[in-house]
C-alpha atoms as a PDB file:
ATOM      1  CA  MET A   1     114.149 132.769 103.622  1.00  0.00           C
ATOM      2  CA  LYS A   2     114.780 129.758 101.917  1.00  0.00           C
ATOM      3  CA  THR A   3     111.991 127.440 102.258  1.00  0.00           C
ATOM      4  CA  ALA A   4     114.629 124.291 102.871  1.00  0.00           C
ATOM      5  CA  PHE A   5     115.903 126.863 105.796  1.00  0.00           C
ATOM      6  CA  LYS A   6     112.121 127.466 107.109  1.00  0.00           C
ATOM      7  CA  PHE A   7     111.294 123.880 106.951  1.00  0.00           C
ATOM      8  CA  LYS A   8     113.983 123.545 109.504  1.00  0.00           C
ATOM      9  CA  GLU A   9     112.491 126.511 111.704  1.00  0.00           C
ATOM     10  CA  TYR A  10     109.348 124.618 111.961  1.00  0.00           C
ATOM     11  CA  ILE A  11     110.502 121.257 112.829  1.00  0.00           C
ATOM     12  CA  TRP A  12     112.416 122.675 115.687  1.00  0.00           C
ATOM     13  CA  LEU A  13     109.332 125.136 116.511  1.00  0.00           C
ATOM     14  CA  VAL A  14     107.216 121.620 117.178  1.00  0.00           C
ATOM     15  CA  GLU A  15     109.870 119.938 118.710  1.00  0.00           C
ATOM     16  CA  THR A  16     110.881 123.014 121.205  1.00  0.00           C
ATOM     17  CA  ILE A  17     106.738 123.076 122.357  1.00  0.00           C
ATOM     18  CA  HIS A  18     105.815 119.272 122.020  1.00  0.00           C
ATOM     19  CA  LYS A  19     109.102 118.658 124.737  1.00  0.00           C
ATOM     20  CA  ALA A  20     107.998 121.333 126.451  1.00  0.00           C
ATOM     21  CA  LYS A  21     104.417 120.493 126.593  1.00  0.00           C
ATOM     22  CA  LYS A  22     103.581 124.237 128.148  1.00  0.00           C
ATOM     23  CA  ILE A  23     106.158 127.227 127.688  1.00  0.00           C
ATOM     24  CA  THR A  24     106.571 130.851 127.243  1.00  0.00           C
ATOM     25  CA  PHE A  25     107.791 132.757 124.218  1.00  0.00           C
ATOM     26  CA  SER A  26     110.806 133.995 126.468  1.00  0.00           C
ATOM     27  CA  GLU A  27     111.329 130.497 127.445  1.00  0.00           C
ATOM     28  CA  ILE A  28     111.085 129.600 123.187  1.00  0.00           C
ATOM     29  CA  GLN A  29     113.538 132.509 122.960  1.00  0.00           C
ATOM     30  CA  GLU A  30     116.282 131.208 125.058  1.00  0.00           C
ATOM     31  CA  LYS A  31     116.006 128.001 123.411  1.00  0.00           C
ATOM     32  CA  TRP A  32     116.447 129.896 119.608  1.00  0.00           C
ATOM     33  CA  LEU A  33     119.571 131.722 120.923  1.00  0.00           C
ATOM     34  CA  ARG A  34     121.096 128.495 121.995  1.00  0.00           C
ATOM     35  CA  SER A  35     120.557 126.232 118.504  1.00  0.00           C
ATOM     36  CA  SER A  36     122.912 126.653 115.815  1.00  0.00           C
ATOM     37  CA  LEU A  37     119.682 127.937 113.956  1.00  0.00           C
ATOM     38  CA  SER A  38     119.598 131.789 115.008  1.00  0.00           C
ATOM     39  CA  GLU A  39     123.233 132.383 114.651  1.00  0.00           C
ATOM     40  CA  GLY A  40     122.730 134.630 117.455  1.00  0.00           C
ATOM     41  CA  VAL A  41     120.105 136.402 116.116  1.00  0.00           C
ATOM     42  CA  GLU A  42     116.954 136.753 118.199  1.00  0.00           C
ATOM     43  CA  LEU A  43     112.960 134.814 117.130  1.00  0.00           C
ATOM     44  CA  ALA A  44     110.879 138.438 116.319  1.00  0.00           C
ATOM     45  CA  ARG A  45     107.250 137.604 117.159  1.00  0.00           C
ATOM     46  CA  SER A  46     106.061 138.522 114.335  1.00  0.00           C
ATOM     47  CA  THR A  47     108.756 135.759 112.465  1.00  0.00           C
ATOM     48  CA  PHE A  48     106.975 133.081 115.399  1.00  0.00           C
ATOM     49  CA  ASN A  49     103.292 134.091 114.316  1.00  0.00           C
ATOM     50  CA  ARG A  50     103.723 133.941 110.814  1.00  0.00           C
ATOM     51  CA  HIS A  51     105.932 129.999 111.728  1.00  0.00           C
ATOM     52  CA  LYS A  52     102.514 129.234 113.751  1.00  0.00           C
ATOM     53  CA  ASP A  53     100.552 129.873 110.552  1.00  0.00           C
ATOM     54  CA  ALA A  54     102.143 127.963 108.537  1.00  0.00           C
ATOM     55  CA  ILE A  55     102.931 125.082 110.678  1.00  0.00           C
ATOM     56  CA  GLU A  56      99.246 125.084 110.902  1.00  0.00           C
ATOM     57  CA  ASP A  57      98.987 124.903 107.094  1.00  0.00           C
ATOM     58  CA  MET A  58     101.256 122.882 106.222  1.00  0.00           C
ATOM     59  CA  PHE A  59     101.038 119.953 108.792  1.00  0.00           C
ATOM     60  CA  GLY A  60      97.728 120.296 110.111  1.00  0.00           C
ATOM     61  CA  ILE A  61      99.553 121.267 113.826  1.00  0.00           C
ATOM     62  CA  PHE A  62      97.884 123.845 116.259  1.00  0.00           C
ATOM     63  CA  ILE A  63      99.944 125.398 118.395  1.00  0.00           C
ATOM     64  CA  GLU A  64      97.332 127.216 121.009  1.00  0.00           C
ATOM     65  CA  CYS A  65      98.632 129.953 124.098  1.00  0.00           C
ATOM     66  CA  ASP A  66      97.084 129.264 127.106  1.00  0.00           C
ATOM     67  CA  ARG A  67      96.447 132.858 128.216  1.00  0.00           C
ATOM     68  CA  GLN A  68      94.655 132.384 131.476  1.00  0.00           C
ATOM     69  CA  ASN A  69      98.324 130.576 132.698  1.00  0.00           C
ATOM     70  CA  GLY A  70     101.198 132.921 131.932  1.00  0.00           C
ATOM     71  CA  TYR A  71     100.617 133.362 128.303  1.00  0.00           C
ATOM     72  CA  LYS A  72     102.413 129.720 127.559  1.00  0.00           C
ATOM     73  CA  TYR A  73     102.252 128.098 124.460  1.00  0.00           C
ATOM     74  CA  TYR A  74     101.271 124.360 123.520  1.00  0.00           C
ATOM     75  CA  ILE A  75     100.376 122.229 120.801  1.00  0.00           C
ATOM     76  CA  GLY A  76      96.077 122.021 121.294  1.00  0.00           C
ATOM     77  CA  ASN A  77      96.190 119.014 119.314  1.00  0.00           C
ATOM     78  CA  ASP A  78      99.109 117.592 120.873  1.00  0.00           C
ATOM     79  CA  GLU A  79      96.894 113.712 119.664  1.00  0.00           C
ATOM     80  CA  VAL A  80      98.306 114.189 115.911  1.00  0.00           C
ATOM     81  CA  LEU A  81     102.211 113.666 116.694  1.00  0.00           C
ATOM     82  CA  GLY A  82     100.959 110.104 117.599  1.00  0.00           C
ATOM     83  CA  ASN A  83     103.023 107.532 116.545  1.00  0.00           C
ATOM     84  CA  ASP A  84     101.286 106.498 113.175  1.00  0.00           C
ATOM     85  CA  SER A  85      99.765 109.729 112.445  1.00  0.00           C
ATOM     86  CA  VAL A  86     100.918 111.427 108.956  1.00  0.00           C
ATOM     87  CA  GLN A  87     102.048 114.512 111.190  1.00  0.00           C
ATOM     88  CA  ASN A  88     104.606 113.003 113.192  1.00  0.00           C
ATOM     89  CA  TRP A  89     106.071 110.984 110.242  1.00  0.00           C
ATOM     90  CA  LEU A  90     106.436 114.336 107.917  1.00  0.00           C
ATOM     91  CA  LEU A  91     108.402 116.039 111.205  1.00  0.00           C
ATOM     92  CA  SER A  92     110.050 112.902 111.599  1.00  0.00           C
ATOM     93  CA  THR A  93     110.965 112.437 107.989  1.00  0.00           C
ATOM     94  CA  LEU A  94     111.865 115.906 107.706  1.00  0.00           C
ATOM     95  CA  SER A  95     113.927 116.085 110.649  1.00  0.00           C
ATOM     96  CA  VAL A  96     115.798 113.364 110.036  1.00  0.00           C
ATOM     97  CA  ASN A  97     116.371 115.100 106.464  1.00  0.00           C
ATOM     98  CA  ASN A  98     117.388 117.644 107.648  1.00  0.00           C
ATOM     99  CA  ILE A  99     120.015 115.727 110.074  1.00  0.00           C
ATOM    100  CA  ILE A 100     121.573 113.853 107.106  1.00  0.00           C
ATOM    101  CA  SER A 101     121.629 116.996 104.600  1.00  0.00           C
ATOM    102  CA  GLU A 102     124.285 118.729 107.044  1.00  0.00           C
ATOM    103  CA  SER A 103     126.175 115.799 107.198  1.00  0.00           C
ATOM    104  CA  LEU A 104     126.825 114.820 103.588  1.00  0.00           C
ATOM    105  CA  SER A 105     130.557 114.177 104.564  1.00  0.00           C
ATOM    106  CA  LEU A 106     129.426 111.350 106.171  1.00  0.00           C
ATOM    107  CA  GLN A 107     126.948 109.596 103.676  1.00  0.00           C
ATOM    108  CA  LYS A 108     129.188 106.897 103.092  1.00  0.00           C
ATOM    109  CA  ARG A 109     128.957 105.827 107.392  1.00  0.00           C
ATOM    110  CA  ILE A 110     125.068 106.362 107.025  1.00  0.00           C
ATOM    111  CA  LEU A 111     122.404 103.509 106.207  1.00  0.00           C
ATOM    112  CA  LEU A 112     119.185 103.797 105.651  1.00  0.00           C
ATOM    113  CA  GLU A 113     116.543 101.076 104.528  1.00  0.00           C
ATOM    114  CA  SER A 114     115.611 101.560 101.032  1.00  0.00           C
ATOM    115  CA  VAL A 115     111.767 101.326 100.090  1.00  0.00           C
ATOM    116  CA  PRO A 116     111.088  99.833  96.650  1.00  0.00           C
ATOM    117  CA  ALA A 117     109.986 102.606  93.629  1.00  0.00           C
ATOM    118  CA  GLU A 118     106.437 102.912  93.361  1.00  0.00           C
ATOM    119  CA  ASP A 119     106.432 104.835  89.917  1.00  0.00           C
ATOM    120  CA  GLY A 120     104.599 107.973  90.624  1.00  0.00           C
ATOM    121  CA  TYR A 121     101.497 105.916  91.836  1.00  0.00           C
ATOM    122  CA  LEU A 122     101.251 107.384  95.527  1.00  0.00           C
ATOM    123  CA  GLY A 123     100.609 110.880  93.918  1.00  0.00           C
ATOM    124  CA  MET A 124      98.345 109.290  91.612  1.00  0.00           C
ATOM    125  CA  VAL A 125      96.703 107.402  94.455  1.00  0.00           C
ATOM    126  CA  ILE A 126      96.662 111.044  96.725  1.00  0.00           C
ATOM    127  CA  GLU A 127      95.205 112.686  93.662  1.00  0.00           C
ATOM    128  CA  ALA A 128      92.365 110.763  93.559  1.00  0.00           C
ATOM    129  CA  MET A 129      91.356 110.829  97.225  1.00  0.00           C
ATOM    130  CA  LYS A 130      91.621 114.326  96.920  1.00  0.00           C
ATOM    131  CA  LYS A 131      89.197 114.497  94.067  1.00  0.00           C
ATOM    132  CA  ASN A 132      87.233 111.916  95.663  1.00  0.00           C
ATOM    133  CA  VAL A 133      87.341 109.536  92.211  1.00  0.00           C
ATOM    134  CA  ARG A 134      87.713 105.789  91.549  1.00  0.00           C
ATOM    135  CA  ILE A 135      90.866 104.359  90.150  1.00  0.00           C
ATOM    136  CA  ALA A 136      91.598 101.218  88.174  1.00  0.00           C
ATOM    137  CA  ILE A 137      94.710  99.352  88.113  1.00  0.00           C
ATOM    138  CA  ASP A 138      95.804  96.539  86.667  1.00  0.00           C
ATOM    139  CA  TYR A 139      96.845  93.993  89.890  1.00  0.00           C
ATOM    140  CA  ARG A 140      99.289  90.875  89.534  1.00  0.00           C
ATOM    141  CA  LYS A 141      99.735  88.670  92.876  1.00  0.00           C
ATOM    142  CA  TYR A 142     102.457  86.621  94.261  1.00  0.00           C
ATOM    143  CA  GLY A 143     102.916  83.245  91.919  1.00  0.00           C
ATOM    144  CA  THR A 144     100.604  84.206  88.864  1.00  0.00           C
ATOM    145  CA  ASP A 145     101.039  85.086  86.109  1.00  0.00           C
ATOM    146  CA  ASN A 146      97.858  86.967  84.974  1.00  0.00           C
ATOM    147  CA  ALA A 147      96.985  90.580  86.416  1.00  0.00           C
ATOM    148  CA  ASN A 148      93.245  91.198  87.424  1.00  0.00           C
ATOM    149  CA  HIS A 149      92.248  94.730  86.448  1.00  0.00           C
ATOM    150  CA  LEU A 150      90.469  96.007  89.473  1.00  0.00           C
ATOM    151  CA  ASN A 151      87.897  99.174  89.882  1.00  0.00           C
ATOM    152  CA  PHE A 152      87.696 100.440  93.089  1.00  0.00           C
ATOM    153  CA  GLU A 153      87.096 103.677  95.659  1.00  0.00           C
ATOM    154  CA  PRO A 154      90.297 104.323  97.432  1.00  0.00           C
ATOM    155  CA  TYR A 155      89.830 104.700 100.965  1.00  0.00           C
ATOM    156  CA  CYS A 156      92.992 104.917 102.648  1.00  0.00           C
ATOM    157  CA  LEU A 157      96.950 104.870 102.331  1.00  0.00           C
ATOM    158  CA  LYS A 158      99.073 102.506 104.631  1.00  0.00           C
ATOM    159  CA  LEU A 159     102.911 102.182 105.108  1.00  0.00           C
ATOM    160  CA  PHE A 160     104.448  99.113 106.469  1.00  0.00           C
ATOM    161  CA  LYS A 161     107.800  97.121 106.541  1.00  0.00           C
ATOM    162  CA  GLN A 162     108.830  99.499 103.570  1.00  0.00           C
ATOM    163  CA  ARG A 163     105.942  98.988 101.238  1.00  0.00           C
ATOM    164  CA  TRP A 164     103.025 101.172 100.702  1.00  0.00           C
ATOM    165  CA  TYR A 165      99.535  99.850 100.314  1.00  0.00           C
ATOM    166  CA  ILE A 166      96.217 101.041  99.462  1.00  0.00           C
ATOM    167  CA  LEU A 167      93.158 100.023 101.131  1.00  0.00           C
ATOM    168  CA  GLY A 168      90.195 100.182  97.640  1.00  0.00           C
ATOM    169  CA  HIS A 169      86.174  99.774  98.549  1.00  0.00           C
ATOM    170  CA  PHE A 170      84.313  97.954  96.628  1.00  0.00           C
ATOM    171  CA  HIS A 171      80.898  97.469  96.014  1.00  0.00           C
ATOM    172  CA  ARG A 172      78.630  95.382  93.922  1.00  0.00           C
ATOM    173  CA  VAL A 173      75.267  96.364  92.929  1.00  0.00           C
ATOM    174  CA  ALA A 174      72.662  93.288  93.719  1.00  0.00           C
ATOM    175  CA  THR A 175      72.223  90.959  90.735  1.00  0.00           C
ATOM    176  CA  GLU A 176      69.760  87.479  89.971  1.00  0.00           C
ATOM    177  CA  GLU A 177      72.647  85.656  91.040  1.00  0.00           C
ATOM    178  CA  LYS A 178      74.245  87.432  94.329  1.00  0.00           C
ATOM    179  CA  PRO A 179      73.137  89.724  96.175  1.00  0.00           C
ATOM    180  CA  GLU A 180      74.647  93.619  96.833  1.00  0.00           C
ATOM    181  CA  SER A 181      78.231  93.846  98.726  1.00  0.00           C
ATOM    182  CA  ASP A 182      80.827  96.397 100.299  1.00  0.00           C
ATOM    183  CA  TYR A 183      83.866  94.747 100.788  1.00  0.00           C
ATOM    184  CA  PHE A 184      87.032  96.285 101.121  1.00  0.00           C
ATOM    185  CA  GLY A 185      90.513  94.934  99.872  1.00  0.00           C
ATOM    186  CA  MET A 186      94.492  96.093 100.237  1.00  0.00           C
ATOM    187  CA  PHE A 187      96.998  96.104  96.870  1.00  0.00           C
ATOM    188  CA  SER A 188     100.483  96.472  97.353  1.00  0.00           C
ATOM    189  CA  PHE A 189     102.523  99.146  95.125  1.00  0.00           C
ATOM    190  CA  ASP A 190     105.118  96.962  94.347  1.00  0.00           C
ATOM    191  CA  ARG A 191     102.021  94.449  92.523  1.00  0.00           C
ATOM    192  CA  ILE A 192     100.154  97.105  90.463  1.00  0.00           C
ATOM    193  CA  LEU A 193     101.601  97.220  86.776  1.00  0.00           C
ATOM    194  CA  ASN A 194      99.677 100.015  86.073  1.00  0.00           C
ATOM    195  CA  MET A 195      97.521 102.431  87.505  1.00  0.00           C
ATOM    196  CA  GLU A 196      94.853 105.122  85.888  1.00  0.00           C
ATOM    197  CA  LEU A 197      92.097 107.324  87.252  1.00  0.00           C
ATOM    198  CA  THR A 198      88.684 107.286  86.422  1.00  0.00           C
ATOM    199  CA  ASP A 199      86.179 109.832  86.363  1.00  0.00           C
ATOM    200  CA  VAL A 200      83.614 107.943  88.646  1.00  0.00           C
ATOM    201  CA  LYS A 201      82.799 109.994  91.351  1.00  0.00           C
ATOM    202  CA  PHE A 202      82.358 108.469  95.124  1.00  0.00           C
ATOM    203  CA  LYS A 203      81.385 109.622  98.104  1.00  0.00           C
ATOM    204  CA  ILE A 204      83.606 107.752 100.954  1.00  0.00           C
ATOM    205  CA  ASP A 205      81.836 106.936 103.862  1.00  0.00           C
ATOM    206  CA  PRO A 206      81.613 109.336 106.793  1.00  0.00           C
ATOM    207  CA  ASP A 207      81.763 107.030 109.497  1.00  0.00           C
ATOM    208  CA  PHE A 208      84.957 105.400 107.721  1.00  0.00           C
ATOM    209  CA  ASP A 209      88.271 105.979 110.004  1.00  0.00           C
ATOM    210  CA  ALA A 210      91.570 104.715 108.792  1.00  0.00           C
ATOM    211  CA  GLN A 211      93.283 104.211 111.990  1.00  0.00           C
ATOM    212  CA  GLU A 212      90.214 102.782 113.838  1.00  0.00           C
ATOM    213  CA  TYR A 213      90.476 100.229 110.425  1.00  0.00           C
ATOM    214  CA  PHE A 214      93.512  98.831 111.245  1.00  0.00           C
ATOM    215  CA  ASP A 215      93.269  99.202 114.791  1.00  0.00           C
ATOM    216  CA  GLU A 216      93.356  96.032 116.027  1.00  0.00           C
ATOM    217  CA  CYS A 217      95.914  95.211 113.647  1.00  0.00           C
ATOM    218  CA  TYR A 218      99.321  94.193 113.329  1.00  0.00           C
ATOM    219  CA  GLY A 219     100.228  94.955 109.706  1.00  0.00           C
ATOM    220  CA  VAL A 220      97.301  95.421 106.417  1.00  0.00           C
ATOM    221  CA  PHE A 221      95.547  91.894 106.940  1.00  0.00           C
ATOM    222  CA  VAL A 222      92.496  93.109 107.951  1.00  0.00           C
ATOM    223  CA  GLY A 223      89.685  91.100 105.833  1.00  0.00           C
ATOM    224  CA  ASP A 224      90.465  87.458 106.824  1.00  0.00           C
ATOM    225  CA  ASP A 225      87.655  87.190 109.512  1.00  0.00           C
ATOM    226  CA  THR A 226      90.397  87.155 111.956  1.00  0.00           C
ATOM    227  CA  LYS A 227      88.570  87.973 115.415  1.00  0.00           C
ATOM    228  CA  PRO A 228      90.754  90.349 117.849  1.00  0.00           C
ATOM    229  CA  GLU A 229      91.606  88.168 121.602  1.00  0.00           C
ATOM    230  CA  ARG A 230      93.790  88.456 124.236  1.00  0.00           C
ATOM    231  CA  ILE A 231      97.254  87.193 123.619  1.00  0.00           C
ATOM    232  CA  VAL A 232     100.482  86.790 125.795  1.00  0.00           C
ATOM    233  CA  ILE A 233     103.836  86.386 124.938  1.00  0.00           C
ATOM    234  CA  ARG A 234     106.791  85.936 126.890  1.00  0.00           C
ATOM    235  CA  ALA A 235     109.856  87.421 125.717  1.00  0.00           C
ATOM    236  CA  TYR A 236     113.487  85.871 126.657  1.00  0.00           C
ATOM    237  CA  GLY A 237     116.858  87.531 126.850  1.00  0.00           C
ATOM    238  CA  TYR A 238     117.050  90.957 125.275  1.00  0.00           C
ATOM    239  CA  GLU A 239     114.042  90.265 123.384  1.00  0.00           C
ATOM    240  CA  ARG A 240     112.436  91.413 126.294  1.00  0.00           C
ATOM    241  CA  TYR A 241     114.183  95.013 126.294  1.00  0.00           C
ATOM    242  CA  TYR A 242     112.792  95.365 122.365  1.00  0.00           C
ATOM    243  CA  LEU A 243     110.031  94.745 123.374  1.00  0.00           C
ATOM    244  CA  ARG A 244     109.573  97.521 125.852  1.00  0.00           C
ATOM    245  CA  ASP A 245     111.286  99.814 123.869  1.00  0.00           C
ATOM    246  CA  LEU A 246     109.139  98.897 120.963  1.00  0.00           C
ATOM    247  CA  PRO A 247     106.376  97.292 121.271  1.00  0.00           C
ATOM    248  CA  VAL A 248     104.299  94.675 119.090  1.00  0.00           C
ATOM    249  CA  HIS A 249     100.926  97.007 119.139  1.00  0.00           C
ATOM    250  CA  LYS A 250      99.615  99.452 120.699  1.00  0.00           C
ATOM    251  CA  SER A 251      97.990  97.435 123.010  1.00  0.00           C
ATOM    252  CA  GLN A 252     100.522  95.807 124.489  1.00  0.00           C
ATOM    253  CA  TYR A 253     101.101  96.343 128.068  1.00  0.00           C
ATOM    254  CA  GLU A 254     103.828  94.391 130.522  1.00  0.00           C
ATOM    255  CA  ILE A 255     102.342  91.993 132.704  1.00  0.00           C
ATOM    256  CA  GLY A 256     104.983  90.126 134.609  1.00  0.00           C
ATOM    257  CA  SER A 257     108.545  89.421 134.697  1.00  0.00           C
ATOM    258  CA  GLY A 258     111.271  86.878 136.090  1.00  0.00           C
ATOM    259  CA  GLU A 259     115.188  86.280 136.126  1.00  0.00           C
ATOM    260  CA  ASN A 260     115.375  86.365 132.567  1.00  0.00           C
ATOM    261  CA  PHE A 261     111.942  87.010 130.974  1.00  0.00           C
ATOM    262  CA  ALA A 262     109.193  88.876 130.893  1.00  0.00           C
ATOM    263  CA  ASP A 263     105.235  88.414 129.940  1.00  0.00           C
ATOM    264  CA  PHE A 264     103.306  90.924 127.645  1.00  0.00           C
ATOM    265  CA  GLU A 265      99.666  90.702 127.135  1.00  0.00           C
ATOM    266  CA  LEU A 266      98.014  92.065 123.905  1.00  0.00           C
ATOM    267  CA  PHE A 267      94.661  92.644 122.438  1.00  0.00           C
ATOM    268  CA  MET A 268      94.567  92.122 118.675  1.00  0.00           C
ATOM    269  CA  ARG A 269      93.884  89.978 115.791  1.00  0.00           C
ATOM    270  CA  PRO A 270      96.046  86.807 115.506  1.00  0.00           C
ATOM    271  CA  THR A 271      96.523  87.647 111.465  1.00  0.00           C
ATOM    272  CA  ILE A 272      98.791  85.393 109.641  1.00  0.00           C
ATOM    273  CA  ASP A 273     101.721  88.247 109.354  1.00  0.00           C
ATOM    274  CA  PHE A 274     101.415  88.842 113.485  1.00  0.00           C
ATOM    275  CA  SER A 275     102.581  84.776 113.290  1.00  0.00           C
ATOM    276  CA  GLY A 276     104.839  85.255 111.061  1.00  0.00           C
ATOM    277  CA  TYR A 277     106.644  88.145 113.135  1.00  0.00           C
ATOM    278  CA  LEU A 278     106.303  85.577 116.035  1.00  0.00           C
ATOM    279  CA  LEU A 279     108.038  82.313 113.903  1.00  0.00           C
ATOM    280  CA  SER A 280     110.927  85.605 112.573  1.00  0.00           C
ATOM    281  CA  ARG A 281     111.643  85.747 116.692  1.00  0.00           C
ATOM    282  CA  GLY A 282     112.797  82.303 117.106  1.00  0.00           C
ATOM    283  CA  ASN A 283     113.413  81.024 120.388  1.00  0.00           C
ATOM    284  CA  GLN A 284     113.216  84.574 121.560  1.00  0.00           C
ATOM    285  CA  ILE A 285     109.505  84.884 121.903  1.00  0.00           C
ATOM    286  CA  LYS A 286     106.719  81.997 123.192  1.00  0.00           C
ATOM    287  CA  VAL A 287     103.085  82.228 123.037  1.00  0.00           C
ATOM    288  CA  LEU A 288     101.679  81.472 126.256  1.00  0.00           C
ATOM    289  CA  THR A 289      98.147  81.969 125.002  1.00  0.00           C
ATOM    290  CA  PRO A 290      95.867  81.092 123.159  1.00  0.00           C
ATOM    291  CA  LYS A 291      96.594  77.678 122.823  1.00  0.00           C
ATOM    292  CA  TRP A 292      95.552  77.361 119.114  1.00  0.00           C
ATOM    293  CA  LEU A 293      98.167  80.231 118.294  1.00  0.00           C
ATOM    294  CA  ALA A 294     100.246  78.369 120.647  1.00  0.00           C
ATOM    295  CA  ASP A 295     100.393  75.359 118.785  1.00  0.00           C
ATOM    296  CA  GLU A 296     100.135  77.204 115.278  1.00  0.00           C
ATOM    297  CA  ILE A 297     103.380  78.648 116.392  1.00  0.00           C
ATOM    298  CA  HIS A 298     104.837  75.176 117.430  1.00  0.00           C
ATOM    299  CA  ASP A 299     104.178  73.618 114.088  1.00  0.00           C
ATOM    300  CA  MET A 300     105.768  76.414 111.915  1.00  0.00           C
ATOM    301  CA  HIS A 301     108.764  76.017 113.660  1.00  0.00           C
ATOM    302  CA  LEU A 302     108.500  72.100 113.180  1.00  0.00           C
ATOM    303  CA  GLU A 303     108.097  72.553 109.615  1.00  0.00           C
ATOM    304  CA  ALA A 304     110.872  75.652 109.189  1.00  0.00           C
ATOM    305  CA  ALA A 305     113.031  73.012 111.014  1.00  0.00           C
ATOM    306  CA  ALA A 306     112.249  70.110 108.851  1.00  0.00           C
ATOM    307  CA  ILE A 307     113.577  72.218 105.434  1.00  0.00           C
ATOM    308  CA  TYR A 308     117.168  71.851 107.187  1.00  0.00           C
ATOM    309  CA  GLU A 309     116.707  68.095 107.285  1.00  0.00           C
ATOM    310  CA  PRO A 310     119.333  66.235 104.818  1.00  0.00           C
ATOM    311  CA  GLU A 311     117.398  64.418 102.140  1.00  0.00           C
ATOM    312  CA  GLN A 312     117.778  60.795 101.779  1.00  0.00           C
ATOM    313  CA  ASN A 313     119.989  61.161  98.577  1.00  0.00           C
ATOM    314  CA  GLU A 314     121.836  63.739 100.772  1.00  0.00           C
ATOM    315  CA  GLN A 315     122.306  60.599 103.815  1.00  0.00           C
ATOM    316  CA  GLN A 316     123.033  57.916 101.511  1.00  0.00           C
ATOM    317  CA  GLU A 317     126.339  59.555 100.128  1.00  0.00           C
END
């Protein structure tokens, strides 16, 4: 069997069991025969078991059997299929890829978002993370002409707004001038000019949890000392429906609504990238609390409006 076809079967099997919560093999068989993948041929028990093992090896998804309640199959670690997990991203990507690959005749009518080229850095970072070795990069920030040479421990990768970011851990040994220090830095792939793997090994902090590290964040800004707090926003018109379908943050929940609005509460860090999001929604979202954030967004809107004010020489004309 071709690899591409196997992937389709793996994805179909995970999605079928995940949607059903719990399902017997005979029920899986019925759904299988109704799918286009079967071509009218039953799913052999031995094939099912091989697929189950392959799914565990490749995706880290465990298909378990509840033998005490009717021999029903279920996803044993269902939490890994959360919105931000690698498993969910892989399955979603492969599932969409399968659908599109079967519809090449419509390729001019299927428009996708492009992700900036990462010049092979993704593979290098993953290799460094596997080997637990430090990496060295030449990094040029926006607005500067000179690049900085940095050497750090690659702790995790994050995809956000069509860009790959790497979280680097730095450890500074104490000197007479400065005390010992441990800190993190976020680096975007599109600002990396060069990358090399070193032969310097490191041990990742056993208590580090990448998901937890970004839990209170909107995007990739973490290390600016912004503290998490309660935020209430009001969404007007159709924006309230968008927020219901696609929450800004996992802590978001609706606390009230009116004739043409809905109020949502969040608990997160109101960092500059979150302020940018609020600003981008224009008059569709209003910050109700905290007051300092409402004032900040108000001032940002005024500054944006000022850009469109006619200049003095234009008025004279």
